[in-house]
C-alpha atoms as a PDB file:
ATOM      1  CA  MET A   1      56.866  41.283 -36.218  1.00  0.00           C
ATOM      2  CA  VAL A   2      56.389  37.946 -34.460  1.00  0.00           C
ATOM      3  CA  HIS A   3      54.067  37.749 -31.464  1.00  0.00           C
ATOM      4  CA  LEU A   4      53.162  34.975 -29.065  1.00  0.00           C
ATOM      5  CA  GLN A   5      50.761  32.523 -30.602  1.00  0.00           C
ATOM      6  CA  SER A   6      48.329  30.252 -28.810  1.00  0.00           C
ATOM      7  CA  THR A   7      50.069  27.168 -30.271  1.00  0.00           C
ATOM      8  CA  ASN A   8      53.274  28.144 -28.476  1.00  0.00           C
ATOM      9  CA  LEU A   9      51.417  28.639 -25.216  1.00  0.00           C
ATOM     10  CA  LEU A  10      50.048  25.094 -25.422  1.00  0.00           C
ATOM     11  CA  ARG A  11      53.608  23.769 -25.159  1.00  0.00           C
ATOM     12  CA  CYS A  12      54.159  25.461 -21.816  1.00  0.00           C
ATOM     13  CA  PRO A  13      53.135  23.371 -18.780  1.00  0.00           C
ATOM     14  CA  LEU A  14      50.903  25.235 -16.372  1.00  0.00           C
ATOM     15  CA  PRO A  15      50.471  24.474 -12.665  1.00  0.00           C
ATOM     16  CA  VAL A  16      47.974  21.698 -11.981  1.00  0.00           C
ATOM     17  CA  GLY A  17      45.168  22.491  -9.553  1.00  0.00           C
ATOM     18  CA  LYS A  18      45.512  26.256  -9.931  1.00  0.00           C
ATOM     19  CA  ILE A  19      43.291  28.652 -11.797  1.00  0.00           C
ATOM     20  CA  THR A  20      44.994  29.589 -15.038  1.00  0.00           C
ATOM     21  CA  THR A  21      44.295  32.560 -17.238  1.00  0.00           C
ATOM     22  CA  SER A  22      45.714  33.838 -20.502  1.00  0.00           C
ATOM     23  CA  HIS A  23      47.874  36.166 -18.406  1.00  0.00           C
ATOM     24  CA  SER A  24      49.343  33.281 -16.385  1.00  0.00           C
ATOM     25  CA  GLY A  25      49.932  31.347 -19.600  1.00  0.00           C
ATOM     26  CA  ARG A  26      51.817  34.246 -21.171  1.00  0.00           C
ATOM     27  CA  ARG A  27      53.790  34.761 -17.977  1.00  0.00           C
ATOM     28  CA  SER A  28      54.731  31.080 -17.744  1.00  0.00           C
ATOM     29  CA  TYR A  29      55.737  30.978 -21.398  1.00  0.00           C
ATOM     30  CA  LEU A  30      57.872  34.120 -21.157  1.00  0.00           C
ATOM     31  CA  THR A  31      59.503  32.899 -17.949  1.00  0.00           C
ATOM     32  CA  LYS A  32      60.367  29.550 -19.579  1.00  0.00           C
ATOM     33  CA  LEU A  33      61.989  31.397 -22.481  1.00  0.00           C
ATOM     34  CA  ALA A  34      63.920  33.575 -20.029  1.00  0.00           C
ATOM     35  CA  ASP A  35      65.122  30.384 -18.275  1.00  0.00           C
ATOM     36  CA  LYS A  36      66.517  29.253 -21.624  1.00  0.00           C
ATOM     37  CA  GLY A  37      68.531  32.460 -21.921  1.00  0.00           C
ATOM     38  CA  VAL A  38      66.267  34.601 -24.106  1.00  0.00           C
ATOM     39  CA  GLY A  39      66.919  38.254 -23.294  1.00  0.00           C
ATOM     40  CA  VAL A  40      64.334  40.707 -22.040  1.00  0.00           C
ATOM     41  CA  PHE A  41      64.426  42.753 -25.254  1.00  0.00           C
ATOM     42  CA  VAL A  42      63.568  39.680 -27.345  1.00  0.00           C
ATOM     43  CA  LEU A  43      60.849  38.686 -24.867  1.00  0.00           C
ATOM     44  CA  ALA A  44      59.339  42.161 -25.143  1.00  0.00           C
ATOM     45  CA  GLN A  45      59.201  41.852 -28.928  1.00  0.00           C
ATOM     46  CA  LEU A  46      57.616  38.395 -28.736  1.00  0.00           C
ATOM     47  CA  ALA A  47      55.008  39.598 -26.267  1.00  0.00           C
ATOM     48  CA  GLY A  48      54.262  42.724 -28.278  1.00  0.00           C
ATOM     49  CA  HIS A  49      55.184  45.010 -25.400  1.00  0.00           C
ATOM     50  CA  ARG A  50      56.168  48.577 -26.227  1.00  0.00           C
ATOM     51  CA  HIS A  51      58.033  49.042 -22.977  1.00  0.00           C
ATOM     52  CA  ILE A  52      60.592  46.776 -21.329  1.00  0.00           C
ATOM     53  CA  SER A  53      59.061  47.587 -17.947  1.00  0.00           C
ATOM     54  CA  THR A  54      55.891  45.744 -18.993  1.00  0.00           C
ATOM     55  CA  THR A  55      57.908  42.644 -19.846  1.00  0.00           C
ATOM     56  CA  GLN A  56      59.800  42.880 -16.566  1.00  0.00           C
ATOM     57  CA  ARG A  57      56.487  42.677 -14.700  1.00  0.00           C
ATOM     58  CA  TYR A  58      55.483  39.585 -16.676  1.00  0.00           C
ATOM     59  CA  VAL A  59      58.700  37.609 -16.250  1.00  0.00           C
ATOM     60  CA  SER A  60      59.766  36.369 -12.854  1.00  0.00           C
ATOM     61  CA  VAL A  61      63.348  35.447 -12.000  1.00  0.00           C
ATOM     62  CA  SER A  62      63.659  31.720 -11.439  1.00  0.00           C
ATOM     63  CA  ASP A  63      66.048  29.772  -9.229  1.00  0.00           C
ATOM     64  CA  THR A  64      67.729  28.475 -12.399  1.00  0.00           C
ATOM     65  CA  GLN A  65      68.467  32.007 -13.585  1.00  0.00           C
ATOM     66  CA  LEU A  66      69.877  32.975 -10.183  1.00  0.00           C
ATOM     67  CA  ARG A  67      72.130  29.887 -10.115  1.00  0.00           C
ATOM     68  CA  ASN A  68      73.357  30.548 -13.651  1.00  0.00           C
ATOM     69  CA  ALA A  69      74.143  34.174 -12.817  1.00  0.00           C
ATOM     70  CA  ALA A  70      75.998  33.114  -9.663  1.00  0.00           C
ATOM     71  CA  GLU A  71      78.063  30.591 -11.627  1.00  0.00           C
ATOM     72  CA  LEU A  72      78.983  33.217 -14.227  1.00  0.00           C
ATOM     73  CA  SER A  73      80.160  35.661 -11.586  1.00  0.00           C
ATOM     74  CA  GLY A  74      82.284  33.179  -9.668  1.00  0.00           C
END
């Protein structure tokens, strides 16, 4: 099974001027993948989560995702 690696996290830009933790890094990385269309089940596997509900707490819905969903429905 593949899990998130620190080298992948280094590719994800984090907010400047804010305190960052490993949790915020994982959350940013998972959210970026979700923005690119990666599904929640794949994200859960990458993060090593046993339950989808854990992944859902990690990943926030971005404006891009909302726009894409709106375009698909209309």
